[in-house]
Structure formats: C-alpha cells, structure tokens
C-alpha cells in the first residue's frame, strides 16, 4: 500500500467518524463506547448569538444594532448585558439602507 493510499483511507475514515459522531449527537445512532467517554469528559460549549433589531421608520429596513456598524464601541452591548436598557432610549441610529437618522424609543425583550 502506498503512502497516498494510506492518506486516502485516513481521510475516508475521518469523514466517516465525523458523520457517525454527528449522528450520535443527534441521537440517530447508538453511542460508541469511546464516544460515551468523550461526551462525559468534555462538557459542551455554548455559543452566544445576539441581535438588537430596530425597523427604520422611513424605509422599514430592519437594522441590527448589535453589529459593528451601529455599535463600534460596544456601548449598546454593555447596556444590554448589564440590564441598563433604559440608557438606550433616545439612542441615535442611522439606517444602513436609506441613511435616515432616528432615535430609539425603548428596548423590549
């Protein structure tokens, strides 16, 4: 067997292992003994994905205030994650679509 053959086999096996691991995570395949140990020893990682959307009163475009365009200094994020939502009342926003300038009334959850 050539080195190239061994590489192809390793790639195939890695792909199969990834598919089986995905099926195990979804509960569509029984856990293999090594997978059970891996799941028990490695706690899952959560990913935070947040947005703060406001509709432009002029063009109705939905602007996400959590993106870097509107929150370059992370001020909005600081107010949201420290529960100081009321400090965003009157916050100036420029619509990304039509450049209309308007202010926020309040933040609702």
Foldseek 3Di string as FASTA:
>chain_A
DDPVVVVVVVVVVVVVVVVVLVCVVVVNDPDDVVRVVVPVVDDDDDDDDDWFWDADPPPRDIDTCPDCVNCVPCPCVVCVVVVVFVVQAQPWDQDPPPRDIDGHHTGDD
